[in-house]
Amino acid sequence: MNPNKLLLLVIFFLSISYSLAVVVSQQGGNIPNAAASNNRNKKDLQSAAEELQYADIFRNGAGTIANEGTVRIDMQGVFTQNGQKWHNLQGQLNGVKGKSTIAHVQVSENAMTDNKAQQTNVANIVIKAMMDSYNSGKTYSVLDNGARNGL
C-alpha cells in the first residue's frame, strides 16, 4: 500500500476514535430515593436499557421510555445546573410506591450530536452508565468532556 494512503487511513481512524472518545460517564453521589433490588431487577434493567435509543435519551417530555418486566426507565424531565441542561433518566421498579429508583443517569445536552456514529456511541455510554449506576448505587453523569471543542 502507498505510504501516503496508509498515513491518511491511520489519521482517519484516529480522528474517528478521538471524536467518539470525548463523551464520558462520571460517577457521582448516591442514587436519590434508592430502592433495594434483586437479580431479576438487574436482568430486567439490562433489557430495558438495551432498548434505549438516542432520541429517547434527549426527548424533552417526561414519561416511560423503556419497560421490561419488573423495571422501567423513565425520563423524569430536564433540569439546568450551572447553565447546562441535563436529561434525568431513572431505572425504577414497576408497581412500587415511594422509593423505587435502582439506577440514575443524568445526560448533559452537550453530548448531543448530529453524527449517527456518535449518537450510537452516546446511547451505548448511557446504557453502560445505567448498569454502572445499578451496580454501584451511585448516580452517573454522561457528558462531553470538552475535547471535541479543544478544551
Protein backbone atom coordinates (compact mmCIF):
# COMPACT_ATOMS: atom_id res chain seq x y z
CA MET A 1 0.00 0.00 0.00
CA ASN A 2 1.15 3.51 -0.76
CA PRO A 3 2.63 5.04 2.44
CA ASN A 4 0.64 8.26 1.92
CA LYS A 5 -2.62 6.33 1.67
CA LEU A 6 -1.71 4.36 4.79
CA LEU A 7 -0.96 7.56 6.68
CA LEU A 8 -4.28 9.08 5.60
CA LEU A 9 -6.09 5.93 6.66
CA VAL A 10 -4.42 5.98 10.09
CA ILE A 11 -5.28 9.68 10.54
CA PHE A 12 -8.87 8.99 9.51
CA PHE A 13 -9.32 6.20 12.05
CA LEU A 14 -7.60 8.17 14.81
CA SER A 15 -9.90 11.12 14.17
CA ILE A 16 -12.95 8.86 14.40
CA SER A 17 -11.82 7.27 17.66
CA TYR A 18 -10.86 10.69 19.04
CA SER A 19 -14.27 12.14 18.23
CA LEU A 20 -16.06 9.13 19.71
CA ALA A 21 -13.98 9.14 22.90
CA VAL A 22 -15.00 12.59 24.15
CA VAL A 23 -18.36 11.59 25.65
CA VAL A 24 -17.72 10.09 29.06
CA SER A 25 -19.59 8.93 32.14
CA GLN A 26 -18.65 10.03 35.62
CA GLN A 27 -19.73 8.59 38.95
CA GLY A 28 -21.44 10.94 41.39
CA GLY A 29 -23.19 10.63 44.72
CA ASN A 30 -25.70 8.11 45.99
CA ILE A 31 -28.88 7.47 43.98
CA PRO A 32 -31.68 9.63 45.38
CA ASN A 33 -34.71 7.64 46.61
CA ALA A 34 -32.82 4.38 46.09
CA ALA A 35 -34.68 1.10 46.42
CA ALA A 36 -33.45 -2.39 47.21
CA SER A 37 -33.46 -4.74 44.22
CA ASN A 38 -32.62 -8.28 43.18
CA ASN A 39 -31.05 -10.24 40.29
CA ARG A 40 -34.34 -10.28 38.35
CA ASN A 41 -34.48 -6.49 38.53
CA LYS A 42 -30.89 -6.29 37.28
CA LYS A 43 -31.69 -8.53 34.31
CA ASP A 44 -34.83 -6.54 33.50
CA LEU A 45 -32.92 -3.25 33.81
CA GLN A 46 -30.29 -4.54 31.37
CA SER A 47 -33.02 -5.49 28.88
CA ALA A 48 -34.78 -2.15 29.27
CA ALA A 49 -31.50 -0.23 28.94
CA GLU A 50 -30.70 -2.05 25.72
CA GLU A 51 -34.00 -0.70 24.30
CA LEU A 52 -32.82 2.89 24.75
CA GLN A 53 -32.43 4.90 21.57
CA TYR A 54 -30.57 8.17 21.16
CA ALA A 55 -33.81 10.10 20.56
CA ASP A 56 -35.30 8.67 23.79
CA ILE A 57 -32.36 9.94 25.83
CA PHE A 58 -32.77 13.53 24.64
CA ARG A 59 -36.54 13.83 24.49
CA ASN A 60 -37.98 16.70 26.48
CA GLY A 61 -41.21 15.18 27.77
CA ALA A 62 -41.31 13.15 30.95
CA GLY A 63 -42.54 9.58 30.78
CA THR A 64 -41.53 5.95 30.41
CA ILE A 65 -39.06 5.33 27.59
CA ALA A 66 -38.38 1.61 28.15
CA ASN A 67 -40.17 -1.10 30.11
CA GLU A 68 -39.12 -4.68 30.75
CA GLY A 69 -40.68 -7.00 33.33
CA THR A 70 -40.14 -5.58 36.81
CA VAL A 71 -38.31 -2.43 35.68
CA ARG A 72 -38.93 0.66 33.59
CA ILE A 73 -36.70 3.53 32.56
CA ASP A 74 -38.35 6.91 32.96
CA MET A 75 -37.31 10.25 31.56
CA GLN A 76 -38.04 12.40 34.61
CA GLY A 77 -37.54 15.69 32.80
CA VAL A 78 -34.86 18.23 32.00
CA PHE A 79 -33.11 20.39 34.58
CA THR A 80 -30.49 23.14 34.37
CA GLN A 81 -27.38 23.16 36.50
CA ASN A 82 -24.56 25.71 36.10
CA GLY A 83 -26.08 26.85 32.81
CA GLN A 84 -26.08 23.32 31.35
CA LYS A 85 -29.26 21.35 30.52
CA TRP A 86 -29.43 17.75 31.72
CA HIS A 87 -31.85 14.90 30.93
CA ASN A 88 -32.78 12.92 34.06
CA LEU A 89 -33.12 9.16 33.38
CA GLN A 90 -34.08 6.75 36.14
CA GLY A 91 -34.37 2.98 36.28
CA GLN A 92 -37.36 2.29 38.52
CA LEU A 93 -39.16 -0.74 39.90
CA ASN A 94 -42.66 -1.26 38.49
CA GLY A 95 -45.54 -1.34 40.96
CA VAL A 96 -43.57 0.17 43.86
CA LYS A 97 -44.86 3.25 45.65
CA GLY A 98 -42.29 5.59 47.16
CA LYS A 99 -38.62 4.72 46.84
CA SER A 100 -38.34 2.80 43.56
CA THR A 101 -35.16 4.07 41.87
CA ILE A 102 -32.50 1.42 41.20
CA ALA A 103 -30.37 3.36 38.68
CA HIS A 104 -29.92 7.05 37.90
CA VAL A 105 -28.20 8.66 34.90
CA GLN A 106 -28.22 12.34 34.02
CA VAL A 107 -27.18 13.18 30.46
CA SER A 108 -25.88 16.60 29.50
CA GLU A 109 -27.15 18.21 26.32
CA ASN A 110 -23.52 18.96 25.48
CA ALA A 111 -23.30 15.26 24.48
CA MET A 112 -25.86 15.82 21.70
CA THR A 113 -24.62 15.36 18.14
CA ASP A 114 -25.88 15.11 14.56
CA ASN A 115 -23.31 12.42 13.71
CA LYS A 116 -25.01 8.98 13.57
CA ALA A 117 -21.91 7.07 14.74
CA GLN A 118 -21.51 9.43 17.69
CA GLN A 119 -25.23 9.08 18.51
CA THR A 120 -24.75 5.31 18.75
CA ASN A 121 -21.71 5.88 20.96
CA VAL A 122 -23.65 8.23 23.25
CA ALA A 123 -26.50 5.71 23.58
CA ASN A 124 -24.02 2.93 24.41
CA ILE A 125 -22.35 5.09 27.06
CA VAL A 126 -25.74 5.86 28.62
CA ILE A 127 -26.64 2.13 28.65
CA LYS A 128 -23.33 1.29 30.36
CA ALA A 129 -23.77 4.18 32.81
CA MET A 130 -27.26 2.88 33.69
CA MET A 131 -25.82 -0.52 34.59
CA ASP A 132 -22.83 1.03 36.40
CA SER A 133 -25.31 3.10 38.42
CA TYR A 134 -27.27 -0.02 39.33
CA ASN A 135 -24.13 -1.93 40.33
CA SER A 136 -22.63 0.90 42.39
CA GLY A 137 -25.73 2.57 43.86
CA LYS A 138 -24.41 5.89 42.54
CA THR A 139 -25.73 8.49 40.09
CA TYR A 140 -23.81 8.70 36.82
CA SER A 141 -23.42 11.78 34.63
CA VAL A 142 -22.85 11.45 30.88
CA LEU A 143 -21.29 14.46 29.21
CA ASP A 144 -18.90 15.68 26.54
CA ASN A 145 -15.60 16.22 28.34
CA GLY A 146 -14.74 19.17 26.09
CA ALA A 147 -12.06 17.50 23.95
CA ARG A 148 -14.22 17.87 20.83
CA ASN A 149 -14.11 21.64 21.32
CA GLY A 150 -10.41 21.69 22.09
CA LEU A 151 -10.93 22.29 25.81
